[in-house]
Amino acid sequence: RAHDIDVNLSAHVMHENIMSKATSVLA
């Protein structure tokens, strides 16, 4: 997680965003 209490920076959301970013970089 990128923040202790911010749900928008939770590990779940960070996972979604990192994977989207990675496929975009490849594209």
PDB file of all heavy atoms in Angstrom:
ATOM      1  N   ARG A   1       0.856  -1.182   0.000  1.00  0.00           N
ATOM      2  CA  ARG A   1       0.000   0.000   0.000  1.00  0.00           C
ATOM      3  C   ARG A   1       0.897   1.238   0.000  1.00  0.00           C
ATOM      4  O   ARG A   1       2.011   1.229   0.519  1.00  0.00           O
ATOM      5  CB  ARG A   1      -0.913   0.002   1.218  1.00  0.00           C
ATOM      6  CG  ARG A   1      -0.174  -0.053   2.554  1.00  0.00           C
ATOM      7  CD  ARG A   1      -1.124  -0.236   3.716  1.00  0.00           C
ATOM      8  NE  ARG A   1      -0.395  -0.348   4.975  1.00  0.00           N
ATOM      9  CZ  ARG A   1      -0.971  -0.556   6.153  1.00  0.00           C
ATOM     10  NH1 ARG A   1      -2.284  -0.675   6.231  1.00  0.00           N
ATOM     11  NH2 ARG A   1      -0.237  -0.654   7.254  1.00  0.00           N
ATOM     12  N   ALA A   2       0.408   2.297  -0.621  1.00  0.00           N
ATOM     13  CA  ALA A   2       1.200   3.528  -0.712  1.00  0.00           C
ATOM     14  C   ALA A   2       0.810   4.543   0.357  1.00  0.00           C
ATOM     15  O   ALA A   2       1.372   5.636   0.414  1.00  0.00           O
ATOM     16  CB  ALA A   2       1.048   4.146  -2.099  1.00  0.00           C
ATOM     17  N   HIS A   3      -0.164   4.188   1.196  1.00  0.00           N
ATOM     18  CA  HIS A   3      -0.594   5.065   2.289  1.00  0.00           C
ATOM     19  C   HIS A   3      -1.290   4.188   3.323  1.00  0.00           C
ATOM     20  O   HIS A   3      -1.948   3.203   2.976  1.00  0.00           O
ATOM     21  CB  HIS A   3      -1.547   6.147   1.777  1.00  0.00           C
ATOM     22  CG  HIS A   3      -1.792   7.273   2.727  1.00  0.00           C
ATOM     23  ND1 HIS A   3      -2.699   7.190   3.765  1.00  0.00           N
ATOM     24  CD2 HIS A   3      -1.247   8.517   2.810  1.00  0.00           C
ATOM     25  CE1 HIS A   3      -2.711   8.330   4.433  1.00  0.00           C
ATOM     26  NE2 HIS A   3      -1.841   9.147   3.876  1.00  0.00           N
ATOM     27  N   ASP A   4      -1.184   4.555   4.573  1.00  0.00           N
ATOM     28  CA  ASP A   4      -1.740   3.723   5.640  1.00  0.00           C
ATOM     29  C   ASP A   4      -3.258   3.685   5.658  1.00  0.00           C
ATOM     30  O   ASP A   4      -3.859   2.653   5.967  1.00  0.00           O
ATOM     31  CB  ASP A   4      -1.219   4.186   7.006  1.00  0.00           C
ATOM     32  CG  ASP A   4       0.258   3.874   7.195  1.00  0.00           C
ATOM     33  OD1 ASP A   4       0.779   3.032   6.443  1.00  0.00           O
ATOM     34  OD2 ASP A   4       0.884   4.482   8.097  1.00  0.00           O
ATOM     35  N   ILE A   5      -3.915   4.813   5.365  1.00  0.00           N
ATOM     36  CA  ILE A   5      -5.371   4.852   5.496  1.00  0.00           C
ATOM     37  C   ILE A   5      -6.104   5.274   4.233  1.00  0.00           C
ATOM     38  O   ILE A   5      -7.324   5.105   4.147  1.00  0.00           O
ATOM     39  CB  ILE A   5      -5.798   5.779   6.656  1.00  0.00           C
ATOM     40  CG1 ILE A   5      -5.351   7.223   6.389  1.00  0.00           C
ATOM     41  CG2 ILE A   5      -5.273   5.260   7.986  1.00  0.00           C
ATOM     42  CD1 ILE A   5      -5.940   8.224   7.371  1.00  0.00           C
ATOM     43  N   ASP A   6      -5.420   5.826   3.259  1.00  0.00           N
ATOM     44  CA  ASP A   6      -6.061   6.293   2.027  1.00  0.00           C
ATOM     45  C   ASP A   6      -6.415   5.087   1.144  1.00  0.00           C
ATOM     46  O   ASP A   6      -5.535   4.425   0.595  1.00  0.00           O
ATOM     47  CB  ASP A   6      -5.120   7.241   1.274  1.00  0.00           C
ATOM     48  CG  ASP A   6      -5.790   7.919   0.089  1.00  0.00           C
ATOM     49  OD1 ASP A   6      -6.871   7.454  -0.343  1.00  0.00           O
ATOM     50  OD2 ASP A   6      -5.224   8.901  -0.433  1.00  0.00           O
ATOM     51  N   VAL A   7      -7.723   4.809   0.999  1.00  0.00           N
ATOM     52  CA  VAL A   7      -8.144   3.649   0.210  1.00  0.00           C
ATOM     53  C   VAL A   7      -7.767   3.786  -1.260  1.00  0.00           C
ATOM     54  O   VAL A   7      -7.647   2.802  -1.982  1.00  0.00           O
ATOM     55  CB  VAL A   7      -9.666   3.410   0.334  1.00  0.00           C
ATOM     56  CG1 VAL A   7     -10.041   3.043   1.764  1.00  0.00           C
ATOM     57  CG2 VAL A   7     -10.451   4.635  -0.129  1.00  0.00           C
ATOM     58  N   ASN A   8      -7.597   5.022  -1.723  1.00  0.00           N
ATOM     59  CA  ASN A   8      -7.222   5.248  -3.116  1.00  0.00           C
ATOM     60  C   ASN A   8      -5.772   4.879  -3.389  1.00  0.00           C
ATOM     61  O   ASN A   8      -5.349   4.776  -4.545  1.00  0.00           O
ATOM     62  CB  ASN A   8      -7.447   6.713  -3.480  1.00  0.00           C
ATOM     63  CG  ASN A   8      -8.866   7.147  -3.207  1.00  0.00           C
ATOM     64  OD1 ASN A   8      -9.775   6.819  -3.954  1.00  0.00           O
ATOM     65  ND2 ASN A   8      -9.072   7.859  -2.107  1.00  0.00           N
ATOM     66  N   LEU A   9      -5.000   4.716  -2.319  1.00  0.00           N
ATOM     67  CA  LEU A   9      -3.605   4.296  -2.425  1.00  0.00           C
ATOM     68  C   LEU A   9      -3.393   2.949  -1.729  1.00  0.00           C
ATOM     69  O   LEU A   9      -2.269   2.593  -1.370  1.00  0.00           O
ATOM     70  CB  LEU A   9      -2.685   5.361  -1.820  1.00  0.00           C
ATOM     71  CG  LEU A   9      -2.698   6.722  -2.530  1.00  0.00           C
ATOM     72  CD1 LEU A   9      -1.889   7.748  -1.731  1.00  0.00           C
ATOM     73  CD2 LEU A   9      -2.160   6.609  -3.943  1.00  0.00           C
ATOM     74  N   SER A  10      -4.466   2.202  -1.589  1.00  0.00           N
ATOM     75  CA  SER A  10      -4.384   0.867  -0.995  1.00  0.00           C
ATOM     76  C   SER A  10      -3.607  -0.061  -1.928  1.00  0.00           C
ATOM     77  O   SER A  10      -3.416   0.228  -3.117  1.00  0.00           O
ATOM     78  CB  SER A  10      -5.780   0.300  -0.759  1.00  0.00           C
ATOM     79  OG  SER A  10      -6.429   0.067  -2.005  1.00  0.00           O
ATOM     80  N   ALA A  11      -3.181  -1.178  -1.391  1.00  0.00           N
ATOM     81  CA  ALA A  11      -2.427  -2.134  -2.209  1.00  0.00           C
ATOM     82  C   ALA A  11      -3.263  -2.636  -3.381  1.00  0.00           C
ATOM     83  O   ALA A  11      -2.743  -2.839  -4.486  1.00  0.00           O
ATOM     84  CB  ALA A  11      -1.963  -3.305  -1.335  1.00  0.00           C
ATOM     85  N   HIS A  12      -4.556  -2.823  -3.154  1.00  0.00           N
ATOM     86  CA  HIS A  12      -5.439  -3.290  -4.224  1.00  0.00           C
ATOM     87  C   HIS A  12      -5.477  -2.301  -5.387  1.00  0.00           C
ATOM     88  O   HIS A  12      -5.326  -2.681  -6.553  1.00  0.00           O
ATOM     89  CB  HIS A  12      -6.851  -3.496  -3.672  1.00  0.00           C
ATOM     90  CG  HIS A  12      -7.884  -3.769  -4.717  1.00  0.00           C
ATOM     91  ND1 HIS A  12      -8.022  -4.993  -5.337  1.00  0.00           N
ATOM     92  CD2 HIS A  12      -8.822  -2.963  -5.285  1.00  0.00           C
ATOM     93  CE1 HIS A  12      -9.001  -4.933  -6.233  1.00  0.00           C
ATOM     94  NE2 HIS A  12      -9.502  -3.713  -6.216  1.00  0.00           N
ATOM     95  N   VAL A  13      -5.668  -1.031  -5.075  1.00  0.00           N
ATOM     96  CA  VAL A  13      -5.730  -0.002  -6.119  1.00  0.00           C
ATOM     97  C   VAL A  13      -4.360   0.190  -6.771  1.00  0.00           C
ATOM     98  O   VAL A  13      -4.255   0.343  -7.996  1.00  0.00           O
ATOM     99  CB  VAL A  13      -6.255   1.326  -5.545  1.00  0.00           C
ATOM    100  CG1 VAL A  13      -6.178   2.441  -6.592  1.00  0.00           C
ATOM    101  CG2 VAL A  13      -7.696   1.160  -5.066  1.00  0.00           C
ATOM    102  N   MET A  14      -3.307   0.168  -5.973  1.00  0.00           N
ATOM    103  CA  MET A  14      -1.964   0.287  -6.536  1.00  0.00           C
ATOM    104  C   MET A  14      -1.676  -0.849  -7.501  1.00  0.00           C
ATOM    105  O   MET A  14      -1.042  -0.661  -8.542  1.00  0.00           O
ATOM    106  CB  MET A  14      -0.923   0.321  -5.416  1.00  0.00           C
ATOM    107  CG  MET A  14      -0.958   1.568  -4.537  1.00  0.00           C
ATOM    108  SD  MET A  14      -0.783   3.126  -5.462  1.00  0.00           S
ATOM    109  CE  MET A  14       0.854   2.915  -6.172  1.00  0.00           C
ATOM    110  N   HIS A  15      -2.150  -2.042  -7.173  1.00  0.00           N
ATOM    111  CA  HIS A  15      -1.977  -3.190  -8.069  1.00  0.00           C
ATOM    112  C   HIS A  15      -2.663  -2.941  -9.406  1.00  0.00           C
ATOM    113  O   HIS A  15      -2.069  -3.131 -10.475  1.00  0.00           O
ATOM    114  CB  HIS A  15      -2.540  -4.453  -7.401  1.00  0.00           C
ATOM    115  CG  HIS A  15      -2.388  -5.702  -8.215  1.00  0.00           C
ATOM    116  ND1 HIS A  15      -3.231  -6.013  -9.271  1.00  0.00           N
ATOM    117  CD2 HIS A  15      -1.485  -6.706  -8.143  1.00  0.00           C
ATOM    118  CE1 HIS A  15      -2.857  -7.161  -9.797  1.00  0.00           C
ATOM    119  NE2 HIS A  15      -1.799  -7.606  -9.133  1.00  0.00           N
ATOM    120  N   GLU A  16      -3.917  -2.518  -9.361  1.00  0.00           N
ATOM    121  CA  GLU A  16      -4.654  -2.219 -10.601  1.00  0.00           C
ATOM    122  C   GLU A  16      -3.910  -1.186 -11.438  1.00  0.00           C
ATOM    123  O   GLU A  16      -3.760  -1.349 -12.661  1.00  0.00           O
ATOM    124  CB  GLU A  16      -6.045  -1.675 -10.257  1.00  0.00           C
ATOM    125  CG  GLU A  16      -7.015  -2.697  -9.721  1.00  0.00           C
ATOM    126  CD  GLU A  16      -8.400  -2.106  -9.512  1.00  0.00           C
ATOM    127  OE1 GLU A  16      -8.504  -0.863  -9.438  1.00  0.00           O
ATOM    128  OE2 GLU A  16      -9.363  -2.876  -9.425  1.00  0.00           O
ATOM    129  N   ASN A  17      -3.456  -0.127 -10.782  1.00  0.00           N
ATOM    130  CA  ASN A  17      -2.826   0.973 -11.511  1.00  0.00           C
ATOM    131  C   ASN A  17      -1.459   0.599 -12.071  1.00  0.00           C
ATOM    132  O   ASN A  17      -1.109   0.977 -13.198  1.00  0.00           O
ATOM    133  CB  ASN A  17      -2.708   2.195 -10.601  1.00  0.00           C
ATOM    134  CG  ASN A  17      -4.063   2.803 -10.279  1.00  0.00           C
ATOM    135  OD1 ASN A  17      -5.069   2.430 -10.867  1.00  0.00           O
ATOM    136  ND2 ASN A  17      -4.094   3.716  -9.335  1.00  0.00           N
ATOM    137  N   ILE A  18      -0.676  -0.145 -11.308  1.00  0.00           N
ATOM    138  CA  ILE A  18       0.643  -0.571 -11.780  1.00  0.00           C
ATOM    139  C   ILE A  18       0.511  -1.471 -13.004  1.00  0.00           C
ATOM    140  O   ILE A  18       1.265  -1.342 -13.982  1.00  0.00           O
ATOM    141  CB  ILE A  18       1.415  -1.302 -10.663  1.00  0.00           C
ATOM    142  CG1 ILE A  18       1.849  -0.307  -9.565  1.00  0.00           C
ATOM    143  CG2 ILE A  18       2.611  -2.059 -11.221  1.00  0.00           C
ATOM    144  CD1 ILE A  18       3.003   0.587  -9.958  1.00  0.00           C
ATOM    145  N   MET A  19      -0.447  -2.394 -12.982  1.00  0.00           N
ATOM    146  CA  MET A  19      -0.621  -3.318 -14.105  1.00  0.00           C
ATOM    147  C   MET A  19      -1.122  -2.588 -15.357  1.00  0.00           C
ATOM    148  O   MET A  19      -0.723  -2.898 -16.475  1.00  0.00           O
ATOM    149  CB  MET A  19      -1.577  -4.451 -13.722  1.00  0.00           C
ATOM    150  CG  MET A  19      -1.079  -5.301 -12.558  1.00  0.00           C
ATOM    151  SD  MET A  19       0.634  -5.871 -12.799  1.00  0.00           S
ATOM    152  CE  MET A  19       1.077  -6.314 -11.123  1.00  0.00           C
ATOM    153  N   SER A  20      -1.990  -1.606 -15.154  1.00  0.00           N
ATOM    154  CA  SER A  20      -2.445  -0.801 -16.290  1.00  0.00           C
ATOM    155  C   SER A  20      -1.280  -0.009 -16.867  1.00  0.00           C
ATOM    156  O   SER A  20      -1.091   0.056 -18.090  1.00  0.00           O
ATOM    157  CB  SER A  20      -3.564   0.145 -15.855  1.00  0.00           C
ATOM    158  OG  SER A  20      -4.078   0.874 -16.948  1.00  0.00           O
ATOM    159  N   LYS A  21      -0.481   0.574 -15.994  1.00  0.00           N
ATOM    160  CA  LYS A  21       0.675   1.349 -16.443  1.00  0.00           C
ATOM    161  C   LYS A  21       1.673   0.472 -17.189  1.00  0.00           C
ATOM    162  O   LYS A  21       2.212   0.868 -18.232  1.00  0.00           O
ATOM    163  CB  LYS A  21       1.346   2.016 -15.237  1.00  0.00           C
ATOM    164  CG  LYS A  21       2.586   2.834 -15.583  1.00  0.00           C
ATOM    165  CD  LYS A  21       3.227   3.409 -14.318  1.00  0.00           C
ATOM    166  CE  LYS A  21       4.518   4.151 -14.640  1.00  0.00           C
ATOM    167  NZ  LYS A  21       5.192   4.667 -13.418  1.00  0.00           N
ATOM    168  N   ALA A  22       1.925  -0.728 -16.670  1.00  0.00           N
ATOM    169  CA  ALA A  22       2.905  -1.619 -17.298  1.00  0.00           C
ATOM    170  C   ALA A  22       2.485  -2.024 -18.705  1.00  0.00           C
ATOM    171  O   ALA A  22       3.303  -2.019 -19.633  1.00  0.00           O
ATOM    172  CB  ALA A  22       3.112  -2.861 -16.426  1.00  0.00           C
ATOM    173  N   THR A  23       1.209  -2.377 -18.899  1.00  0.00           N
ATOM    174  CA  THR A  23       0.753  -2.743 -20.243  1.00  0.00           C
ATOM    175  C   THR A  23       0.771  -1.536 -21.173  1.00  0.00           C
ATOM    176  O   THR A  23       1.036  -1.661 -22.374  1.00  0.00           O
ATOM    177  CB  THR A  23      -0.651  -3.369 -20.201  1.00  0.00           C
ATOM    178  OG1 THR A  23      -1.423  -2.795 -19.154  1.00  0.00           O
ATOM    179  CG2 THR A  23      -0.567  -4.858 -20.005  1.00  0.00           C
ATOM    180  N   SER A  24       0.503  -0.350 -20.640  1.00  0.00           N
ATOM    181  CA  SER A  24       0.576   0.865 -21.453  1.00  0.00           C
ATOM    182  C   SER A  24       2.007   1.141 -21.903  1.00  0.00           C
ATOM    183  O   SER A  24       2.245   1.514 -23.056  1.00  0.00           O
ATOM    184  CB  SER A  24       0.033   2.058 -20.669  1.00  0.00           C
ATOM    185  OG  SER A  24       0.147   3.258 -21.414  1.00  0.00           O
ATOM    186  N   VAL A  25       2.973   0.962 -20.996  1.00  0.00           N
ATOM    187  CA  VAL A  25       4.383   1.150 -21.353  1.00  0.00           C
ATOM    188  C   VAL A  25       4.767   0.202 -22.482  1.00  0.00           C
ATOM    189  O   VAL A  25       5.409   0.597 -23.467  1.00  0.00           O
ATOM    190  CB  VAL A  25       5.295   0.926 -20.131  1.00  0.00           C
ATOM    191  CG1 VAL A  25       6.760   0.809 -20.555  1.00  0.00           C
ATOM    192  CG2 VAL A  25       5.124   2.068 -19.137  1.00  0.00           C
ATOM    193  N   LEU A  26       4.372  -1.055 -22.357  1.00  0.00           N
ATOM    194  CA  LEU A  26       4.686  -2.045 -23.392  1.00  0.00           C
ATOM    195  C   LEU A  26       4.068  -1.636 -24.727  1.00  0.00           C
ATOM    196  O   LEU A  26       4.714  -1.715 -25.782  1.00  0.00           O
ATOM    197  CB  LEU A  26       4.169  -3.415 -22.954  1.00  0.00           C
ATOM    198  CG  LEU A  26       4.638  -4.619 -23.772  1.00  0.00           C
ATOM    199  CD1 LEU A  26       6.151  -4.788 -23.695  1.00  0.00           C
ATOM    200  CD2 LEU A  26       3.933  -5.897 -23.296  1.00  0.00           C
ATOM    201  N   ALA A  27       2.817  -1.170 -24.691  1.00  0.00           N
ATOM    202  CA  ALA A  27       2.143  -0.735 -25.919  1.00  0.00           C
ATOM    203  C   ALA A  27       2.821   0.493 -26.527  1.00  0.00           C
ATOM    204  O   ALA A  27       2.969   0.593 -27.751  1.00  0.00           O
ATOM    205  CB  ALA A  27       0.674  -0.441 -25.630  1.00  0.00           C
TER     206      ALA A  27
END
